[in-house]
Amino acid sequence: MLKAIVFDLDDTLYDQQRPFQQALFSVWNDPAVSGHVLTDLFKVFKHMNDRVAKLETLTMNHVFSCLNDVLTQHDLPTLTNSVWLAFCDRYRLEAEKISLFSDIQAQLPSLKSHYELGVITNGESNTQSEKLSRLDLQRWVKDENIIISDEVGLRKPDPRIFTHFNRHLNVQANEIVYIGDNFEKDMVGAKQAGWHAFWFNHRHLDMPKSDFIPDQTVESPTELAELLQAMSVTNY
């Protein structure tokens, strides 16, 4: 019987692509940048964010260069310095407007009454804490049930960060499910720790070859909300 549901933060509880897209289109409205081009740009940008979450030192010029490499691969005009600087300013503003996926938020009150809720996120303490505050997650998740990698010296997919959490709650590994969007960091890490794992594959990625298989895979916030709603009625 499950006793706890633990979420990843970035691109699981909120749409990480939205502030990127809003900022980019506000300063560079090129009609060719849509669909798969936008997807490729966001993948690079997200990868850069993940590297920053590992506390790697990256300059904004490096991110700028990587995004322009994507545009060059698609035979599109590259970003100018002035557009890039305008994007950076606008992105900071858009990042302050993040909000929970509405379908998922609607399930949190009911889930809170049936399970311990938690968050495990990779990243720098101040940055991730600001996001948690903007999302008002403390309404449903106790402060002590939030683990930020920078604060514990462990990071996903290291299974020890998951084990740290179930020891904190004093529950068995098979009594917890982890929900996240990143297969390697979230699914592999959780399964190695003996947890259940639900893959929130709303970016419609191919499943990597792996010895670990998610217990459930959902491909939209609505699908995830339906699964969570069912878990509020019948324990998984």
Protein backbone atom coordinates (compact mmCIF):
# COMPACT_ATOMS: atom_id res chain seq x y z
CA MET A 1 0.00 0.00 0.00
CA LEU A 2 1.32 3.42 -0.94
CA LYS A 3 1.83 5.92 1.85
CA ALA A 4 3.57 8.77 0.00
CA ILE A 5 3.56 10.47 -3.40
CA VAL A 6 6.67 12.45 -4.27
CA PHE A 7 7.02 14.77 -7.26
CA ASP A 8 9.86 16.13 -9.32
CA LEU A 9 9.60 19.92 -9.68
CA ASP A 10 10.84 21.30 -13.01
CA ASP A 11 8.64 20.39 -15.99
CA THR A 12 6.60 18.04 -13.81
CA LEU A 13 4.57 20.30 -11.54
CA TYR A 14 4.74 23.26 -13.92
CA ASP A 15 5.38 23.81 -17.62
CA GLN A 16 9.06 24.71 -17.94
CA GLN A 17 8.74 25.40 -21.66
CA ARG A 18 6.10 28.12 -21.27
CA PRO A 19 8.35 30.92 -19.89
CA PHE A 20 11.00 30.04 -22.48
CA GLN A 21 8.50 30.17 -25.33
CA GLN A 22 6.79 33.34 -24.09
CA ALA A 23 10.11 35.14 -23.71
CA LEU A 24 11.43 34.01 -27.09
CA PHE A 25 8.31 34.94 -29.03
CA SER A 26 8.05 38.32 -27.34
CA VAL A 27 11.44 39.40 -28.70
CA TRP A 28 11.88 37.25 -31.80
CA ASN A 29 8.65 36.41 -33.59
CA ASP A 30 10.07 34.42 -36.50
CA PRO A 31 7.25 32.28 -38.03
CA ALA A 32 9.79 29.57 -38.91
CA VAL A 33 10.50 28.98 -35.22
CA SER A 34 7.65 26.68 -34.30
CA GLY A 35 6.91 23.00 -33.95
CA HIS A 36 10.02 20.83 -33.99
CA VAL A 37 12.36 23.84 -34.16
CA LEU A 38 10.94 25.26 -30.95
CA THR A 39 11.11 21.79 -29.40
CA ASP A 40 14.79 21.46 -30.30
CA LEU A 41 15.58 24.93 -28.94
CA PHE A 42 13.82 24.16 -25.67
CA LYS A 43 15.64 20.81 -25.32
CA VAL A 44 18.96 22.63 -25.51
CA PHE A 45 17.81 25.33 -23.12
CA LYS A 46 16.51 22.73 -20.65
CA HIS A 47 19.77 20.79 -20.91
CA MET A 48 21.65 23.98 -20.05
CA ASN A 49 19.37 24.49 -17.04
CA ASP A 50 20.06 20.92 -15.94
CA ARG A 51 23.79 21.59 -16.11
CA VAL A 52 23.34 24.71 -14.00
CA ALA A 53 21.38 22.54 -11.55
CA LYS A 54 24.52 20.41 -11.27
CA LEU A 55 26.23 23.63 -10.16
CA GLU A 56 28.34 23.70 -13.32
CA THR A 57 29.62 27.13 -14.27
CA LEU A 58 27.97 28.17 -17.52
CA THR A 59 28.02 31.63 -19.03
CA MET A 60 24.96 33.01 -20.78
CA ASN A 61 27.14 33.38 -23.86
CA HIS A 62 27.56 29.61 -23.89
CA VAL A 63 23.78 29.11 -23.82
CA PHE A 64 23.45 31.74 -26.57
CA SER A 65 25.97 29.85 -28.71
CA CYS A 66 24.23 26.49 -28.20
CA LEU A 67 20.82 27.89 -29.21
CA ASN A 68 22.32 29.42 -32.33
CA ASP A 69 23.86 26.05 -33.19
CA VAL A 70 20.34 24.60 -33.24
CA LEU A 71 19.09 27.37 -35.53
CA THR A 72 22.06 26.85 -37.85
CA GLN A 73 21.27 23.12 -38.03
CA HIS A 74 17.77 24.05 -39.20
CA ASP A 75 19.15 26.55 -41.75
CA LEU A 76 17.52 29.45 -39.93
CA PRO A 77 18.87 32.92 -39.08
CA THR A 78 20.62 33.02 -35.72
CA LEU A 79 19.82 35.21 -32.74
CA THR A 80 21.56 38.57 -32.66
CA ASN A 81 23.23 39.84 -29.50
CA SER A 82 20.50 42.43 -28.97
CA VAL A 83 17.72 39.85 -29.34
CA TRP A 84 19.52 37.51 -26.96
CA LEU A 85 19.91 40.20 -24.28
CA ALA A 86 16.24 41.12 -24.67
CA PHE A 87 15.31 37.44 -24.34
CA CYS A 88 17.31 37.08 -21.11
CA ASP A 89 15.56 40.07 -19.56
CA ARG A 90 12.13 38.85 -20.63
CA TYR A 91 12.81 35.27 -19.52
CA ARG A 92 13.53 36.43 -15.97
CA LEU A 93 10.14 38.12 -15.92
CA GLU A 94 8.30 35.15 -17.41
CA ALA A 95 10.00 32.72 -15.00
CA GLU A 96 8.41 34.64 -12.13
CA LYS A 97 4.96 33.79 -13.51
CA ILE A 98 5.20 30.00 -13.31
CA SER A 99 2.12 28.19 -12.06
CA LEU A 100 1.17 24.61 -11.33
CA PHE A 101 -0.45 22.57 -14.07
CA SER A 102 -4.08 23.30 -13.24
CA ASP A 103 -5.23 19.69 -13.68
CA ILE A 104 -2.57 18.50 -11.24
CA GLN A 105 -3.21 21.29 -8.74
CA ALA A 106 -6.88 20.31 -8.60
CA GLN A 107 -5.90 16.87 -7.25
CA LEU A 108 -3.51 18.02 -4.52
CA PRO A 109 -6.08 18.72 -1.76
CA SER A 110 -7.54 15.23 -2.05
CA LEU A 111 -4.12 13.59 -2.31
CA LYS A 112 -2.97 15.46 0.79
CA SER A 113 -5.77 13.85 2.80
CA HIS A 114 -4.73 10.34 1.73
CA TYR A 115 -0.93 10.45 1.40
CA GLU A 116 2.19 12.19 2.57
CA LEU A 117 3.20 14.47 -0.31
CA GLY A 118 6.77 15.43 -1.10
CA VAL A 119 9.15 16.94 -3.64
CA ILE A 120 12.67 15.91 -4.63
CA THR A 121 14.37 18.34 -7.00
CA ASN A 122 17.87 18.85 -8.35
CA GLY A 123 19.20 22.36 -8.23
CA GLU A 124 20.59 25.25 -6.25
CA SER A 125 18.81 25.91 -2.98
CA ASN A 126 17.78 29.55 -3.49
CA THR A 127 16.62 29.02 -7.08
CA GLN A 128 14.49 25.98 -6.32
CA SER A 129 13.11 27.50 -3.12
CA GLU A 130 11.95 30.55 -5.07
CA LYS A 131 10.11 28.31 -7.54
CA LEU A 132 8.47 26.37 -4.72
CA SER A 133 7.34 29.64 -3.17
CA ARG A 134 5.92 30.97 -6.45
CA LEU A 135 3.98 27.74 -6.89
CA ASP A 136 2.70 27.97 -3.30
CA LEU A 137 3.45 24.28 -2.83
CA GLN A 138 3.64 24.60 0.93
CA ARG A 139 -0.17 24.60 0.90
CA TRP A 140 0.00 20.86 0.24
CA VAL A 141 3.58 19.78 0.92
CA LYS A 142 5.25 20.09 4.32
CA ASP A 143 8.57 21.96 4.31
CA GLU A 144 10.32 18.94 5.79
CA ASN A 145 9.08 16.80 2.87
CA ILE A 146 10.91 18.94 0.29
CA ILE A 147 14.42 17.84 -0.64
CA ILE A 148 16.66 20.06 -2.77
CA SER A 149 19.83 18.36 -3.99
CA ASP A 150 22.06 21.30 -3.11
CA GLU A 151 20.97 21.07 0.52
CA VAL A 152 21.65 17.36 1.04
CA GLY A 153 24.73 16.87 -1.13
CA LEU A 154 23.02 14.22 -3.25
CA ARG A 155 21.36 14.52 -6.63
CA LYS A 156 19.15 12.43 -8.85
CA PRO A 157 19.60 9.82 -10.25
CA ASP A 158 21.67 8.80 -7.22
CA PRO A 159 19.29 6.40 -5.42
CA ARG A 160 20.61 7.64 -2.08
CA ILE A 161 18.59 10.86 -2.38
CA PHE A 162 15.43 8.74 -2.60
CA THR A 163 16.53 6.51 0.28
CA HIS A 164 17.21 9.66 2.30
CA PHE A 165 13.57 10.60 1.81
CA ASN A 166 11.98 7.29 2.82
CA ARG A 167 14.19 7.17 5.92
CA HIS A 168 12.99 10.67 6.75
CA LEU A 169 9.36 9.53 6.49
CA ASN A 170 10.11 6.18 8.15
CA VAL A 171 8.36 4.27 5.38
CA GLN A 172 9.47 1.40 3.18
CA ALA A 173 10.73 2.07 -0.35
CA ASN A 174 7.83 0.14 -1.90
CA GLU A 175 5.37 2.42 -0.10
CA ILE A 176 6.38 5.49 -2.12
CA VAL A 177 5.83 6.52 -5.74
CA TYR A 178 7.90 9.13 -7.55
CA ILE A 179 6.47 11.15 -10.44
CA GLY A 180 8.80 12.91 -12.85
CA ASP A 181 9.41 13.87 -16.47
CA ASN A 182 13.07 12.88 -16.83
CA PHE A 183 13.53 9.17 -17.50
CA GLU A 184 17.15 8.83 -16.41
CA LYS A 185 17.09 11.08 -13.38
CA ASP A 186 13.57 10.34 -12.15
CA MET A 187 12.59 6.86 -13.30
CA VAL A 188 15.97 5.13 -13.07
CA GLY A 189 16.90 6.79 -9.79
CA ALA A 190 13.57 5.98 -8.13
CA LYS A 191 13.48 2.39 -9.37
CA GLN A 192 17.06 1.79 -8.23
CA ALA A 193 15.94 2.91 -4.77
CA GLY A 194 13.08 0.41 -4.83
CA TRP A 195 10.33 3.00 -5.31
CA HIS A 196 7.38 2.87 -7.65
CA ALA A 197 7.86 5.33 -10.52
CA PHE A 198 5.38 7.08 -12.84
CA TRP A 199 6.83 8.68 -15.97
CA PHE A 200 5.17 11.98 -16.86
CA ASN A 201 6.19 11.89 -20.51
CA HIS A 202 4.32 14.99 -21.68
CA ARG A 203 7.16 15.87 -24.08
CA HIS A 204 6.43 12.58 -25.90
CA LEU A 205 9.98 11.28 -25.80
CA ASP A 206 11.02 7.80 -26.88
CA MET A 207 11.65 5.48 -23.96
CA PRO A 208 15.39 4.88 -23.62
CA LYS A 209 16.76 1.35 -23.51
CA SER A 210 16.93 0.58 -19.83
CA ASP A 211 16.76 -2.22 -17.30
CA PHE A 212 14.15 -0.13 -15.48
CA ILE A 213 10.55 0.23 -16.61
CA PRO A 214 8.14 2.82 -15.17
CA ASP A 215 5.13 1.42 -13.35
CA GLN A 216 2.92 3.87 -15.25
CA THR A 217 3.45 6.25 -18.16
CA VAL A 218 1.17 9.21 -18.83
CA GLU A 219 1.54 11.75 -21.62
CA SER A 220 -0.40 14.83 -20.56
CA PRO A 221 -1.28 16.79 -17.42
CA THR A 222 -4.87 15.60 -17.85
CA GLU A 223 -3.82 11.94 -17.94
CA LEU A 224 -1.66 12.41 -14.86
CA ALA A 225 -4.52 14.17 -13.06
CA GLU A 226 -6.85 11.27 -13.88
CA LEU A 227 -4.32 8.81 -12.46
CA LEU A 228 -3.92 10.90 -9.31
CA GLN A 229 -7.68 11.18 -8.94
CA ALA A 230 -7.99 7.40 -9.14
CA MET A 231 -5.31 7.08 -6.46
CA SER A 232 -7.35 9.32 -4.18
CA VAL A 233 -10.22 6.84 -4.40
CA THR A 234 -8.37 3.53 -4.50
CA ASN A 235 -4.88 3.06 -3.10
CA TYR A 236 -2.36 2.01 -5.73
